[in-house]
Structures are given as C-alpha cells and as structure tokens.
C-alpha cells in the first residue's frame, strides 16, 4: 500500500484512488498517523468502505482482500496458520465460486470432502471457524446478506480416542541430561524440563528476564524469520505473561551460564540467555536433542514434550492442578485438565478411607 512519511512532522499519510459517491475516480488523502502500520490500516479501511457489491465477487477475490486484512492484525505465526487453512483446504474447493452461489448444499459437500481426509474434529472446527470469519468479513464490507457457514453449522463431532501426551519420567530425563556435554544446550534442556516453558518463550529470554529467582515470561520468538531477523512477539495469550519461579539448582546453573557469557568482551544483559547475541536455532536444538537421545538410549520426544514432562513431574508429586496451570501459562484451568487429567494420580482409596474414618468418629 502506498503510504508516505512527512519529513517535517514525522507523521504518516496515505493517498489512494477510489470512486466517489457519483462514480467518479478521484484521489483521496488522509494524514496525521503516528506509524506506517496505522496509515496502511487506515487506507485499507477507507478503500473497503466503498465496496458493497458481492454479486460478481469470487471467493478467491474475497480471500485476497481478507488475507491483507488479517495480515495487518495477526502475529506472523497466527497469520501463517490462517493462510495454511485456506490455501490447503478451503481455496481448492471454493476459489472459483461466486459468493452468492455458495449455498447450504455446496457447504455441506465441502464438509463431506474434508471429513474424508480424516482430520480430528478440533481441526475440522478450525476450518469451519475460518469460513465463518471470512464470510462475516464479506457481510461487513461487501454487503453479503447471510453467512452460509453459520447457518449450516459446524462439523459433526466424532468419537475420538484420547491421545496421551508423550513425556519423560524423571529417570529417563536424568539418563538424557547426563549425556549432554554442551553447556548452553544442557542448561536450555534443564530449563525446559524444570519450568515447562514453551520453546519460543525460552529462546526469547534475555538476561534482563532473569532476576530474584524468577524468569519473567513476557515475549516469545517465532520459528520463522523475516529478512534473516528473528520475530519476537508477545506470548501466546495474556495468561502466558507470567513469572516462573526457579528451583535453587536451576538458579545456580543459570548464574553459571551468565558467568560463561560475561567472558565475552561485548556482553550485556540484552543478550539472549540461550544463544548470546542471537538465540539458538530451533532446528539445531532438535538435532542436538535427538543426538543425545541416541547416546542415552532413551525414547525421542519432541521439544514441546519437555513441557508435558514438567507437568507430569509436578502431578506425580501431587502439586495442585491450579498451580501447574498458572506455571504453564494456560489460558484457563480447563485446558490443563483436558491435557493432563489422565496423569492425575487416582486416589479414590484415599477418599474412601477419609469417609470411613469420618463416619467411625460420629
């Protein structure tokens, strides 16, 4: 989008061509925006405000507009997820349809085709949600009268086997960590296992975030890069912004790691805890982890499974689920229960013994 910065005021503005109310093509200008992104968004909203004819618009035309709209509003990783759903499973079916030709029958046929692919209900629901959102966008900006996705409804929920999360017991983890001979990677794995941090949260940490025995989780780093630069965003949810208390041994190890970095001439507290000037590469972390798994002769788990391992460890020690949920930065306790309820020790005998004792003391 063509936006410009005023060299004198440092404010941003946009110029664009649109039809006026009489159908005449004219140039419009709006100025006074504090950032380039604000000017781009204002131009986009301005251009959208004059488009209300959906009768000749194809779904692919709508997607191009919607993609620009979402890219301005979403974090990079979130936008990639939206883009993937559309390009892989929605556009191949709907792209050449006119919006007013997407009927209940057409939508149902698409749902049947998606069902054949064998995805889990959660993913199917995300595809349906994407359709609801883009058609609501068409209603808002293009005058589409009804949302066929909403009227048709979501995919029918399937009976699915609960997939157990993978994790290491403390014995498996100890066998693994004894084989790690690289200090930086060793302390990264230690931190992941004993805090339950997401990989992106751990890699985004700098030394300013380590103080008073806590790690201050206030950002995350994307797996992808733009122009060879790491993308650092706010965490996954507002609940993900948290302070995670460390055990004494891990505090000592991170202090040792900091002393290791302080030997470098240009060291400062803005350096990444795990990497230095630049964070460690996720692909390299994965390769190192697999290498040490082979040496230790333990099963290979994903880096994210260190998080599950931490939850399992705490559950085995009867730490309350509410504490675990806060420590992991889950959006609500139901997410924690849904993920880890099968790991919670079954103490029914203990409950019955308490009841028996209570009744005997009447």
Protein backbone atom coordinates (compact mmCIF):
# COMPACT_ATOMS: atom_id res chain seq x y z
CA UNK A 1 0.00 0.00 0.00
CA UNK A 2 1.42 3.49 -0.88
CA UNK A 3 1.94 5.38 2.37
CA UNK A 4 4.32 8.28 2.97
CA UNK A 5 6.03 9.97 5.89
CA UNK A 6 6.11 13.74 6.22
CA UNK A 7 9.78 14.63 6.76
CA UNK A 8 8.89 17.69 8.83
CA UNK A 9 6.23 16.32 11.19
CA UNK A 10 7.35 12.65 11.03
CA UNK A 11 3.65 11.75 10.69
CA UNK A 12 2.39 9.24 8.15
CA UNK A 13 -0.28 9.65 5.47
CA UNK A 14 -1.81 7.74 2.59
CA UNK A 15 -3.04 8.64 -0.87
CA UNK A 16 -5.33 6.37 -2.81
CA UNK A 17 -7.76 6.40 -5.72
CA UNK A 18 -11.41 5.47 -5.18
CA UNK A 19 -14.76 6.20 -6.76
CA UNK A 20 -16.73 8.99 -5.09
CA UNK A 21 -20.47 8.73 -4.43
CA UNK A 22 -21.14 9.76 -8.06
CA UNK A 23 -18.88 7.08 -9.50
CA UNK A 24 -16.07 9.48 -10.44
CA UNK A 25 -12.50 8.31 -9.92
CA UNK A 26 -10.71 10.65 -7.52
CA UNK A 27 -7.60 10.80 -5.37
CA UNK A 28 -8.11 10.88 -1.62
CA UNK A 29 -5.56 11.72 1.06
CA UNK A 30 -5.62 11.23 4.83
CA UNK A 31 -2.76 12.21 7.14
CA UNK A 32 -1.67 12.52 10.76
CA UNK A 33 -0.96 8.87 11.56
CA UNK A 34 1.73 8.07 14.11
CA UNK A 35 3.05 4.91 12.44
CA UNK A 36 3.33 3.42 8.98
CA UNK A 37 1.15 0.50 10.05
CA UNK A 38 -1.63 2.84 11.23
CA UNK A 39 -1.57 4.60 7.85
CA UNK A 40 -1.70 1.29 5.99
CA UNK A 41 -4.64 0.13 8.10
CA UNK A 42 -6.49 3.42 7.62
CA UNK A 43 -6.01 3.23 3.85
CA UNK A 44 -7.25 -0.32 3.81
CA UNK A 45 -10.35 0.52 5.86
CA UNK A 46 -11.01 3.56 3.67
CA UNK A 47 -10.91 1.51 0.48
CA UNK A 48 -13.09 -1.20 1.99
CA UNK A 49 -15.75 1.30 2.99
CA UNK A 50 -16.78 1.91 -0.62
CA UNK A 51 -17.17 -1.73 -1.68
CA UNK A 52 -20.60 -3.25 -1.22
CA UNK A 53 -21.21 -5.34 -4.31
CA UNK A 54 -20.68 -9.05 -3.76
CA UNK A 55 -22.72 -10.41 -6.67
CA UNK A 56 -19.76 -10.69 -9.07
CA UNK A 57 -17.06 -11.36 -6.49
CA UNK A 58 -15.43 -14.79 -6.44
CA UNK A 59 -14.31 -16.44 -3.22
CA UNK A 60 -10.70 -16.08 -4.37
CA UNK A 61 -11.20 -12.30 -4.77
CA UNK A 62 -12.59 -12.19 -1.26
CA UNK A 63 -9.65 -14.21 0.09
CA UNK A 64 -7.10 -11.77 -1.37
CA UNK A 65 -8.76 -8.86 0.42
CA UNK A 66 -9.29 -10.84 3.63
CA UNK A 67 -5.65 -12.02 3.65
CA UNK A 68 -4.41 -8.42 3.61
CA UNK A 69 -6.86 -7.53 6.36
CA UNK A 70 -5.74 -10.41 8.63
CA UNK A 71 -2.02 -9.96 7.97
CA UNK A 72 -2.21 -6.44 9.39
CA UNK A 73 -3.88 -7.67 12.56
CA UNK A 74 -2.31 -11.02 13.42
CA UNK A 75 1.09 -12.09 14.66
CA UNK A 76 3.17 -13.73 11.95
CA UNK A 77 2.71 -17.28 13.24
CA UNK A 78 -1.06 -16.82 13.65
CA UNK A 79 -1.37 -15.43 10.13
CA UNK A 80 0.59 -18.37 8.73
CA UNK A 81 -1.88 -20.75 10.36
CA UNK A 82 -4.85 -18.91 8.84
CA UNK A 83 -3.16 -18.83 5.43
CA UNK A 84 -2.38 -22.56 5.61
CA UNK A 85 -6.01 -23.49 6.34
CA UNK A 86 -7.28 -21.52 3.40
CA UNK A 87 -4.64 -22.48 0.84
CA UNK A 88 -4.64 -26.18 1.70
CA UNK A 89 -8.28 -26.98 2.44
CA UNK A 90 -10.63 -24.10 1.58
CA UNK A 91 -9.45 -22.32 -1.57
CA UNK A 92 -9.01 -25.54 -3.62
CA UNK A 93 -12.77 -26.12 -3.24
CA UNK A 94 -14.29 -22.61 -3.13
CA UNK A 95 -11.90 -20.31 -5.02
CA UNK A 96 -13.89 -20.10 -8.28
CA UNK A 97 -17.33 -19.89 -6.67
CA UNK A 98 -19.21 -16.59 -6.78
CA UNK A 99 -20.11 -15.62 -3.22
CA UNK A 100 -23.82 -15.69 -3.94
CA UNK A 101 -23.51 -19.26 -5.29
CA UNK A 102 -22.11 -20.76 -2.08
CA UNK A 103 -25.27 -22.39 -0.78
CA UNK A 104 -26.06 -24.73 2.08
CA UNK A 105 -25.74 -27.67 -0.32
CA UNK A 106 -22.32 -26.51 -1.55
CA UNK A 107 -21.07 -26.00 2.00
CA UNK A 108 -22.25 -29.46 3.09
CA UNK A 109 -20.46 -31.07 0.13
CA UNK A 110 -17.25 -29.32 1.16
CA UNK A 111 -17.67 -30.60 4.73
CA UNK A 112 -18.07 -34.14 3.39
CA UNK A 113 -14.83 -33.79 1.40
CA UNK A 114 -12.99 -32.52 4.48
CA UNK A 115 -14.37 -35.39 6.60
CA UNK A 116 -12.84 -37.86 4.14
CA UNK A 117 -9.37 -36.53 4.97
CA UNK A 118 -9.61 -37.93 8.49
CA UNK A 119 -8.66 -34.81 10.43
CA UNK A 120 -9.52 -34.53 14.10
CA UNK A 121 -12.72 -32.70 14.99
CA UNK A 122 -10.71 -29.83 16.51
CA UNK A 123 -9.00 -29.14 13.17
CA UNK A 124 -12.24 -29.51 11.21
CA UNK A 125 -13.79 -26.97 13.59
CA UNK A 126 -10.92 -24.57 12.92
CA UNK A 127 -11.65 -24.81 9.18
CA UNK A 128 -15.33 -24.14 9.81
CA UNK A 129 -14.40 -21.20 12.03
CA UNK A 130 -12.20 -19.80 9.26
CA UNK A 131 -15.16 -19.95 6.87
CA UNK A 132 -17.47 -18.27 9.37
CA UNK A 133 -14.93 -15.46 9.83
CA UNK A 134 -14.27 -14.75 6.15
CA UNK A 135 -17.98 -14.71 5.30
CA UNK A 136 -18.67 -12.39 8.25
CA UNK A 137 -15.98 -10.16 6.73
CA UNK A 138 -17.90 -10.24 3.42
CA UNK A 139 -21.09 -9.28 5.27
CA UNK A 140 -19.32 -6.38 6.96
CA UNK A 141 -17.51 -4.93 3.95
CA UNK A 142 -19.28 -6.21 0.85
CA UNK A 143 -22.93 -6.46 1.74
CA UNK A 144 -23.20 -10.24 1.71
CA UNK A 145 -26.65 -10.94 3.15
CA UNK A 146 -26.20 -14.22 5.03
CA UNK A 147 -23.40 -16.39 6.36
CA UNK A 148 -23.98 -19.86 4.93
CA UNK A 149 -21.30 -21.36 7.21
CA UNK A 150 -23.12 -20.16 10.33
CA UNK A 151 -26.50 -21.33 9.01
CA UNK A 152 -25.18 -24.77 8.03
CA UNK A 153 -23.33 -25.32 11.29
CA UNK A 154 -20.10 -26.95 12.38
CA UNK A 155 -18.83 -30.41 11.52
CA UNK A 156 -20.45 -33.23 13.45
CA UNK A 157 -18.32 -34.18 16.43
CA UNK A 158 -16.67 -37.57 16.03
CA UNK A 159 -15.89 -40.05 18.76
CA UNK A 160 -12.11 -39.91 19.03
CA UNK A 161 -9.65 -41.82 21.11
CA UNK A 162 -7.86 -39.57 23.58
CA UNK A 163 -4.24 -39.33 22.56
CA UNK A 164 -1.94 -39.46 25.55
CA UNK A 165 0.73 -36.81 25.61
CA UNK A 166 4.30 -38.05 25.41
CA UNK A 167 6.74 -37.29 28.21
CA UNK A 168 9.85 -38.45 30.04
CA UNK A 169 9.86 -39.75 33.57
CA UNK A 170 12.47 -38.22 35.84
CA UNK A 171 14.61 -41.35 35.38
CA UNK A 172 14.50 -41.03 31.57
CA UNK A 173 15.31 -37.34 31.77
CA UNK A 174 18.29 -37.92 34.07
CA UNK A 175 19.73 -40.50 31.68
CA UNK A 176 19.36 -37.96 28.86
CA UNK A 177 20.80 -34.91 30.60
CA UNK A 178 23.90 -36.80 31.77
CA UNK A 179 24.87 -37.22 28.11
CA UNK A 180 24.57 -33.53 27.18
CA UNK A 181 28.10 -32.13 27.03
CA UNK A 182 27.37 -28.65 25.60
CA UNK A 183 26.83 -26.15 28.44
CA UNK A 184 24.34 -23.85 26.66
CA UNK A 185 22.18 -26.69 25.34
CA UNK A 186 22.41 -28.55 28.64
CA UNK A 187 21.02 -25.59 30.57
CA UNK A 188 18.35 -24.99 27.92
CA UNK A 189 17.11 -28.58 28.31
CA UNK A 190 17.30 -28.20 32.12
CA UNK A 191 15.19 -25.05 31.94
CA UNK A 192 12.59 -26.60 29.64
CA UNK A 193 12.22 -29.68 31.83
CA UNK A 194 12.09 -27.90 35.19
CA UNK A 195 9.92 -24.90 34.19
CA UNK A 196 7.58 -26.17 31.45
CA UNK A 197 8.31 -23.15 29.25
CA UNK A 198 7.37 -23.27 25.60
CA UNK A 199 10.43 -23.35 23.34
CA UNK A 200 9.65 -19.91 21.89
CA UNK A 201 9.34 -18.44 25.39
CA UNK A 202 12.69 -19.88 26.46
CA UNK A 203 14.53 -18.73 23.33
CA UNK A 204 13.18 -15.18 23.66
CA UNK A 205 14.59 -14.77 27.19
CA UNK A 206 17.41 -12.31 27.76
CA UNK A 207 19.35 -11.74 30.96
CA UNK A 208 17.05 -8.88 31.99
CA UNK A 209 14.33 -11.51 32.36
CA UNK A 210 16.30 -13.50 34.95
CA UNK A 211 16.16 -11.91 38.39
CA UNK A 212 15.30 -12.68 42.01
CA UNK A 213 14.97 -16.40 41.30
CA UNK A 214 12.31 -15.94 38.61
CA UNK A 215 12.11 -15.96 34.83
CA UNK A 216 9.94 -13.13 33.53
CA UNK A 217 7.96 -14.55 30.58
CA UNK A 218 6.85 -11.53 28.55
CA UNK A 219 7.63 -12.45 24.94
CA UNK A 220 8.09 -15.36 22.56
CA UNK A 221 10.15 -15.93 19.46
CA UNK A 222 8.70 -17.24 16.22
CA UNK A 223 10.15 -20.29 14.46
CA UNK A 224 10.16 -18.29 11.24
CA UNK A 225 12.40 -15.39 10.28
CA UNK A 226 11.81 -12.32 8.12
CA UNK A 227 14.81 -10.82 6.28
CA UNK A 228 17.05 -13.09 8.38
CA UNK A 229 15.74 -11.47 11.56
CA UNK A 230 14.02 -13.25 14.41
CA UNK A 231 10.42 -12.24 15.04
CA UNK A 232 9.75 -11.56 18.71
CA UNK A 233 6.12 -11.19 19.75
CA UNK A 234 4.07 -11.06 22.91
CA UNK A 235 3.31 -14.52 24.32
CA UNK A 236 0.57 -16.83 23.06
CA UNK A 237 -2.15 -15.48 25.40
CA UNK A 238 -2.41 -12.83 28.10
CA UNK A 239 -2.19 -15.62 30.71
CA UNK A 240 1.13 -16.65 29.17
CA UNK A 241 2.65 -13.45 30.53
CA UNK A 242 3.86 -14.67 33.91
CA UNK A 243 6.78 -15.07 36.29
CA UNK A 244 8.05 -18.63 36.73
CA UNK A 245 9.85 -19.38 39.98
CA UNK A 246 13.00 -21.48 39.68
CA UNK A 247 14.42 -24.13 41.97
CA UNK A 248 17.74 -23.34 43.65
CA UNK A 249 19.81 -25.67 41.50
CA UNK A 250 18.48 -24.18 38.26
CA UNK A 251 19.15 -20.66 39.58
CA UNK A 252 22.76 -21.63 40.25
CA UNK A 253 23.15 -23.14 36.79
CA UNK A 254 21.79 -20.04 35.04
CA UNK A 255 24.17 -17.88 37.10
CA UNK A 256 26.99 -20.15 35.94
CA UNK A 257 25.84 -19.72 32.34
CA UNK A 258 25.82 -15.94 32.75
CA UNK A 259 29.41 -16.01 34.03
CA UNK A 260 30.31 -18.03 30.94
CA UNK A 261 28.86 -15.30 28.69
CA UNK A 262 30.46 -12.50 30.73
CA UNK A 263 33.85 -13.64 29.46
CA UNK A 264 32.85 -12.12 26.09
CA UNK A 265 34.01 -8.53 25.62
CA UNK A 266 30.69 -7.13 24.34
CA UNK A 267 28.40 -8.96 26.77
CA UNK A 268 25.38 -7.12 28.15
CA UNK A 269 22.07 -8.10 29.73
CA UNK A 270 20.23 -7.77 26.42
CA UNK A 271 21.95 -10.94 25.18
CA UNK A 272 19.76 -13.99 24.83
CA UNK A 273 20.12 -16.43 27.72
CA UNK A 274 20.25 -19.34 25.29
CA UNK A 275 22.49 -18.25 22.45
CA UNK A 276 24.12 -14.92 23.23
CA UNK A 277 23.86 -12.28 20.51
CA UNK A 278 21.37 -14.48 18.68
CA UNK A 279 19.07 -17.18 20.06
CA UNK A 280 19.74 -20.83 19.36
CA UNK A 281 18.16 -22.17 16.17
CA UNK A 282 15.16 -24.50 16.78
CA UNK A 283 16.36 -26.88 14.07
CA UNK A 284 19.75 -27.22 15.75
CA UNK A 285 18.09 -27.75 19.14
CA UNK A 286 16.09 -30.61 17.65
CA UNK A 287 19.17 -32.23 16.11
CA UNK A 288 21.13 -31.94 19.35
CA UNK A 289 18.24 -33.40 21.34
CA UNK A 290 17.98 -36.41 19.01
CA UNK A 291 21.72 -36.95 19.15
CA UNK A 292 21.73 -37.07 22.96
CA UNK A 293 18.64 -39.31 22.96
CA UNK A 294 20.57 -41.82 20.86
CA UNK A 295 23.58 -41.66 23.17
CA UNK A 296 21.42 -42.04 26.29
CA UNK A 297 19.26 -44.74 24.67
CA UNK A 298 16.00 -43.06 25.69
CA UNK A 299 12.92 -42.61 23.52
CA UNK A 300 12.87 -39.50 21.34
CA UNK A 301 10.29 -36.94 22.38
CA UNK A 302 9.55 -33.55 20.87
CA UNK A 303 10.93 -30.37 22.42
CA UNK A 304 7.33 -29.46 23.35
CA UNK A 305 7.13 -32.72 25.27
CA UNK A 306 9.63 -31.31 27.80
CA UNK A 307 6.66 -29.12 28.78
CA UNK A 308 4.45 -32.19 29.18
CA UNK A 309 7.24 -33.86 31.16
CA UNK A 310 7.32 -30.94 33.58
CA UNK A 311 3.56 -31.17 34.12
CA UNK A 312 3.82 -34.93 34.63
CA UNK A 313 6.63 -34.48 37.15
CA UNK A 314 4.61 -31.99 39.21
CA UNK A 315 1.46 -34.12 39.07
CA UNK A 316 3.41 -37.14 40.34
CA UNK A 317 4.39 -35.02 43.34
CA UNK A 318 0.74 -34.04 44.00
CA UNK A 319 1.25 -30.38 43.11
CA UNK A 320 -2.25 -28.83 42.75
CA UNK A 321 -3.52 -28.59 39.17
CA UNK A 322 -4.23 -24.87 39.68
CA UNK A 323 -0.55 -24.23 40.40
CA UNK A 324 0.52 -26.26 37.36
CA UNK A 325 -1.92 -24.35 35.14
CA UNK A 326 -0.53 -20.98 36.28
CA UNK A 327 3.05 -22.20 35.90
CA UNK A 328 2.42 -23.37 32.32
CA UNK A 329 0.63 -20.14 31.42
CA UNK A 330 -2.56 -21.86 30.27
CA UNK A 331 -5.50 -19.61 29.39
CA UNK A 332 -7.70 -21.45 31.89
CA UNK A 333 -7.58 -24.50 34.14
CA UNK A 334 -9.85 -26.48 31.80
CA UNK A 335 -7.04 -26.56 29.24
CA UNK A 336 -4.74 -28.07 31.86
CA UNK A 337 -7.34 -30.61 32.96
CA UNK A 338 -8.18 -31.61 29.39
CA UNK A 339 -4.50 -32.20 28.64
CA UNK A 340 -3.30 -33.84 31.83
CA UNK A 341 -6.34 -35.28 33.67
CA UNK A 342 -5.28 -38.84 32.77
CA UNK A 343 -1.96 -38.23 34.57
CA UNK A 344 -3.50 -37.16 37.87
CA UNK A 345 -2.94 -39.89 40.47
CA UNK A 346 -6.08 -41.87 41.22
CA UNK A 347 -6.58 -41.50 44.98
CA UNK A 348 -10.08 -42.96 45.30
CA UNK A 349 -8.94 -45.34 48.03
CA UNK A 350 -7.65 -42.35 50.00
CA UNK A 351 -11.01 -40.58 49.59
CA UNK A 352 -12.97 -43.64 50.79
CA UNK A 353 -10.64 -44.08 53.78
CA UNK A 354 -11.31 -40.48 54.79
CA UNK A 355 -15.08 -41.10 54.55
CA UNK A 356 -14.81 -44.30 56.61
CA UNK A 357 -12.80 -42.53 59.27
CA UNK A 358 -15.26 -39.65 59.41
CA UNK A 359 -18.25 -42.00 59.88
CA UNK A 360 -16.46 -44.02 62.58
CA UNK A 361 -15.85 -40.86 64.59
CA UNK A 362 -19.55 -39.87 64.69
